[in-house]
Amino acid sequence: LLFNVAHAYSVLDAEVGYSQGINFLAAVLLLHMRQEHAFWVLVQLMRRYRLRGLFLSSSPTLAVALFKVDWLMARTLPALHQHLREQGVDASMFTSEWLLTLFAYAFPLNFTFRVWDAFFVK
């Protein structure tokens, strides 16, 4: 099922093609709906919610999002931000996975579902 949804999307949108992050999006969708619905919701995530730009190498969308995360961290958690900088850790080293998978990669499913609920409500 997962292969079918990811493959169908890569055929529909050849410019984006296949990306591992898309598998995480499709997997979460498949936990809640049938294959065909998961595909069309994925299409809407990419188009209507503008996630597509995150997966295009020619688009600055991911770089802008990573800059915003870094800026927010510096403003709201300055001690943590400074500590990470002193250790040579850039926020993009871990936040890119979060953004590309809508937090489905590194977090428990219950947390991911809550993030997605908030995302879809907006």
Foldseek 3Di string as FASTA:
>chain_A
DLCVLQQVVCVVPVQLHHDPLLSLQLVLLVVPDDSVVSNVVSVCCCPVVVLVLLRHPPHCVLVVVLVVVLVVCCVPPVVVSVVCVVVVHRSCVPCSSCSSNVNSPPDDPVVSVVSVVVSVVD
